[in-house]
Amino acid sequence: MSGNSTRRGFGRRLSAWIEAGRKAGFLVILVAGSAALGLIIALPLWLFATSAREAYTVVVLVSAAAGVVYLVVRSVARRRAAVRDSGRPRRSALAGFLTALMAVIGAAGLYAAAALLARGNWILGSLDLVLWAGILWLLGRGRRAARDRKARPVPAENKGR
């Protein structure tokens, strides 16, 4: 009987080790796959960026502009669909303006902080980050207040007639 219980104990340990090996193997495969995918994407971009700087700059700027145009067109299409949906609250022009202002101020703040930090001005860079985060937080509260309007009243249906 004791030999049988030893086999069961060994089998449990072996299955635990096999399961641990599977998990470790999956992690190794996941890391290796991520590294391979990163190389597949980054290496051609790096070669393109170093061999044809002007063309790479144009491609990146055109891609960024196309992304911005896509976001604007999608926003306009969603806004038009929201106008037809009476259950959704109206969006004010002030909320749109505050959103655009937040994007510009956020980009300017990040650029200023990066420039200060790159030049070694750690204190000013940190203060800049805190200042811009506070400004963006206040603008976000204002935008939320401008967006949180009551929904248009929907007249009740007369089911009695």
Protein backbone atom coordinates (compact mmCIF):
# COMPACT_ATOMS: atom_id res chain seq x y z
CA MET A 1 0.00 0.00 0.00
CA SER A 2 2.80 2.40 0.81
CA GLY A 3 4.36 1.84 -2.64
CA ASN A 4 1.05 2.82 -4.26
CA SER A 5 0.81 6.04 -2.23
CA THR A 6 4.42 6.86 -3.18
CA ARG A 7 3.50 6.51 -6.85
CA ARG A 8 0.51 8.80 -6.39
CA GLY A 9 2.70 11.37 -4.62
CA PHE A 10 5.29 11.14 -7.38
CA GLY A 11 2.55 11.46 -10.02
CA ARG A 12 1.19 14.59 -8.36
CA ARG A 13 4.64 16.15 -8.16
CA LEU A 14 5.34 15.21 -11.76
CA SER A 15 2.06 16.72 -12.96
CA ALA A 16 2.76 19.89 -10.95
CA TRP A 17 6.21 20.17 -12.57
CA ILE A 18 4.74 19.55 -16.02
CA GLU A 19 2.13 22.27 -15.45
CA ALA A 20 4.83 24.68 -14.24
CA GLY A 21 6.89 23.82 -17.33
CA ARG A 22 3.91 24.52 -19.57
CA LYS A 23 3.35 27.91 -17.98
CA ALA A 24 7.04 28.82 -18.20
CA GLY A 25 7.17 27.60 -21.80
CA PHE A 26 4.14 29.68 -22.69
CA LEU A 27 5.78 32.73 -21.12
CA VAL A 28 9.00 32.12 -23.06
CA ILE A 29 7.07 31.67 -26.31
CA LEU A 30 5.05 34.83 -25.61
CA VAL A 31 8.19 36.90 -24.96
CA ALA A 32 9.99 35.46 -28.00
CA GLY A 33 6.95 36.06 -30.21
CA SER A 34 6.66 39.64 -28.99
CA ALA A 35 10.34 40.25 -29.66
CA ALA A 36 10.06 38.72 -33.14
CA LEU A 37 6.99 40.79 -33.96
CA GLY A 38 8.76 43.92 -32.71
CA LEU A 39 11.74 43.19 -34.95
CA ILE A 40 9.51 42.47 -37.93
CA ILE A 41 7.83 45.85 -37.49
CA ALA A 42 10.73 48.00 -36.26
CA LEU A 43 13.57 46.82 -38.50
CA PRO A 44 12.00 47.86 -41.84
CA LEU A 45 10.89 51.17 -40.32
CA TRP A 46 14.39 51.80 -38.99
CA LEU A 47 15.93 50.96 -42.37
CA PHE A 48 13.45 53.26 -44.12
CA ALA A 49 14.09 56.06 -41.60
CA THR A 50 17.87 55.86 -41.91
CA SER A 51 18.11 55.35 -45.67
CA ALA A 52 15.53 57.91 -46.84
CA ARG A 53 15.02 60.52 -44.13
CA GLU A 54 13.01 62.99 -46.17
CA ALA A 55 10.67 60.35 -47.57
CA TYR A 56 10.20 58.81 -44.12
CA THR A 57 9.34 62.22 -42.67
CA VAL A 58 6.79 62.83 -45.40
CA VAL A 59 5.23 59.38 -44.93
CA VAL A 60 4.98 59.82 -41.17
CA LEU A 61 3.47 63.31 -41.45
CA VAL A 62 0.99 62.21 -44.11
CA SER A 63 0.01 59.21 -41.98
CA ALA A 64 -0.51 61.45 -38.94
CA ALA A 65 -2.58 63.88 -40.99
CA ALA A 66 -4.66 61.02 -42.38
CA GLY A 67 -5.26 59.82 -38.82
CA VAL A 68 -6.42 63.27 -37.76
CA VAL A 69 -8.72 63.54 -40.79
CA TYR A 70 -10.15 60.10 -40.00
CA LEU A 71 -10.87 61.12 -36.40
CA VAL A 72 -12.55 64.36 -37.51
CA VAL A 73 -14.71 62.59 -40.11
CA ARG A 74 -15.70 59.91 -37.61
CA SER A 75 -16.59 62.57 -35.05
CA VAL A 76 -18.75 64.44 -37.57
CA ALA A 77 -20.51 61.22 -38.59
CA ARG A 78 -21.18 60.31 -34.96
CA ARG A 79 -22.44 63.80 -34.21
CA ARG A 80 -24.87 63.61 -37.13
CA ALA A 81 -26.11 60.24 -35.92
CA ALA A 82 -26.49 61.62 -32.37
CA VAL A 83 -28.67 64.47 -33.65
CA ARG A 84 -31.15 61.92 -34.99
CA ASP A 85 -31.12 59.95 -31.73
CA SER A 86 -33.42 61.79 -29.33
CA GLY A 87 -32.31 59.69 -26.36
CA ARG A 88 -28.82 61.15 -26.39
CA PRO A 89 -28.09 64.53 -24.88
CA ARG A 90 -26.98 67.32 -27.18
CA ARG A 91 -23.35 68.23 -27.33
CA SER A 92 -22.54 71.86 -27.01
CA ALA A 93 -20.07 73.77 -29.12
CA LEU A 94 -18.32 74.71 -25.88
CA ALA A 95 -17.58 71.05 -25.16
CA GLY A 96 -16.03 70.63 -28.62
CA PHE A 97 -13.96 73.76 -28.17
CA LEU A 98 -12.75 72.63 -24.76
CA THR A 99 -11.80 69.23 -26.20
CA ALA A 100 -9.71 70.86 -28.94
CA LEU A 101 -8.17 73.21 -26.39
CA MET A 102 -7.28 70.27 -24.16
CA ALA A 103 -5.53 68.53 -27.06
CA VAL A 104 -3.47 71.60 -27.95
CA ILE A 105 -2.58 72.42 -24.35
CA GLY A 106 -1.73 68.78 -23.62
CA ALA A 107 0.59 68.53 -26.62
CA ALA A 108 2.26 71.85 -25.78
CA GLY A 109 2.70 70.84 -22.14
CA LEU A 110 4.24 67.50 -23.03
CA TYR A 111 6.59 69.18 -25.50
CA ALA A 112 7.65 71.78 -22.96
CA ALA A 113 8.19 69.14 -20.27
CA ALA A 114 10.19 66.94 -22.65
CA ALA A 115 12.35 69.90 -23.71
CA LEU A 116 13.01 70.91 -20.11
CA LEU A 117 13.77 67.36 -19.01
CA ALA A 118 16.05 66.76 -22.00
CA ARG A 119 18.09 69.84 -21.09
CA GLY A 120 18.45 68.68 -17.52
CA ASN A 121 16.02 71.14 -15.94
CA TRP A 122 14.41 68.48 -13.77
CA ILE A 123 12.75 70.85 -11.33
CA LEU A 124 11.20 73.04 -14.03
CA GLY A 125 10.21 69.97 -16.04
CA SER A 126 8.49 68.43 -13.03
CA LEU A 127 6.74 71.70 -12.21
CA ASP A 128 5.66 71.95 -15.85
CA LEU A 129 4.14 68.48 -15.75
CA VAL A 130 2.24 69.26 -12.55
CA LEU A 131 1.03 72.60 -13.94
CA TRP A 132 -0.16 71.14 -17.26
CA ALA A 133 -1.83 68.21 -15.49
CA GLY A 134 -3.74 70.68 -13.31
CA ILE A 135 -4.78 72.78 -16.29
CA LEU A 136 -5.94 69.68 -18.19
CA TRP A 137 -7.86 68.47 -15.12
CA LEU A 138 -9.67 71.81 -14.82
CA LEU A 139 -10.45 71.85 -18.55
CA GLY A 140 -11.72 68.27 -18.28
CA ARG A 141 -14.09 69.26 -15.49
CA GLY A 142 -15.32 72.19 -17.59
CA ARG A 143 -15.81 69.95 -20.61
CA ARG A 144 -17.71 67.39 -18.55
CA ALA A 145 -19.96 70.14 -17.22
CA ALA A 146 -20.56 71.41 -20.76
CA ARG A 147 -21.34 67.90 -22.03
CA ASP A 148 -23.56 66.77 -19.19
CA ARG A 149 -26.74 68.38 -20.40
CA LYS A 150 -30.14 66.92 -19.83
CA ALA A 151 -31.57 64.87 -22.64
CA ARG A 152 -34.21 66.44 -24.79
CA PRO A 153 -37.65 65.61 -23.49
CA VAL A 154 -39.37 62.85 -25.40
CA PRO A 155 -43.14 63.30 -25.48
CA ALA A 156 -45.13 60.44 -24.00
CA GLU A 157 -47.08 58.27 -26.35
CA ASN A 158 -50.84 58.36 -26.12
CA LYS A 159 -51.71 54.70 -25.88
CA GLY A 160 -55.24 55.32 -24.63
CA ARG A 161 -56.54 56.66 -27.93
